Amino acid sequence: MPDFNPFRNFFARLPWYGGIAMACAMIPTSGYATEVKRTLEFDYYLVNGNSLAQIAKNMSSKGPKKKWALTAWTVNSSAGCDVSVDIQVTMPKLLGSGGLSDVDRLKLAKMIIALRAHEMQHVAIATYTAEEIKRHNCVGTGAITKYWKLKNREFDQRTKSGKLEGVTLE
């Protein structure tokens, strides 16, 4: 398979806990990047609880595919190499937490920030995939997409689905 990714080792070296700024630094802002159409939608599922344990259990049962959050994406390209990426991020939305202490509210707020930052890194990977396809004039689209979907899964494995970045209520 041809080398599609000049940043192949870059992802392995990135300190993922750096958050959105590092992920966004990878997204070019000129040239081919303007030729890729990106649709980004956020959906929310409702959770509540009087303790962090209840909220965590609620997110695990109500979340997409039993996860606390999920970023799903699809890259589309036409015969003329018009490239678009559709991205949907599903996150929890807290309905009520009346029984939480101030300390627990702070833990919850920090976790939500870390969870959103983690999902935005998935958004960056999806966007980069579409840009990579455009940069290669839609040659090898399947292989490029397969490569970046693998990197997307490896990112979750490396961060333990964000737990190493603060996505925890323990």
Foldseek 3Di string as FASTA:
>chain_A
DDDLDPCVCVLVPDPLLVFDVVLVVPQDDDDLLVQEAEAEEEAEDEAEDQALVRRLCRCQVGPDVSDQKDKDKDWDADPQGRIYMYIYIYHYDYDYHVNDDPVLVVLVVQLRRLLVRLVSSVVSLRSVLRSSCVVVSNPCNVVSVVVSVVVNVVSCVVCVNRVVSSNDSD
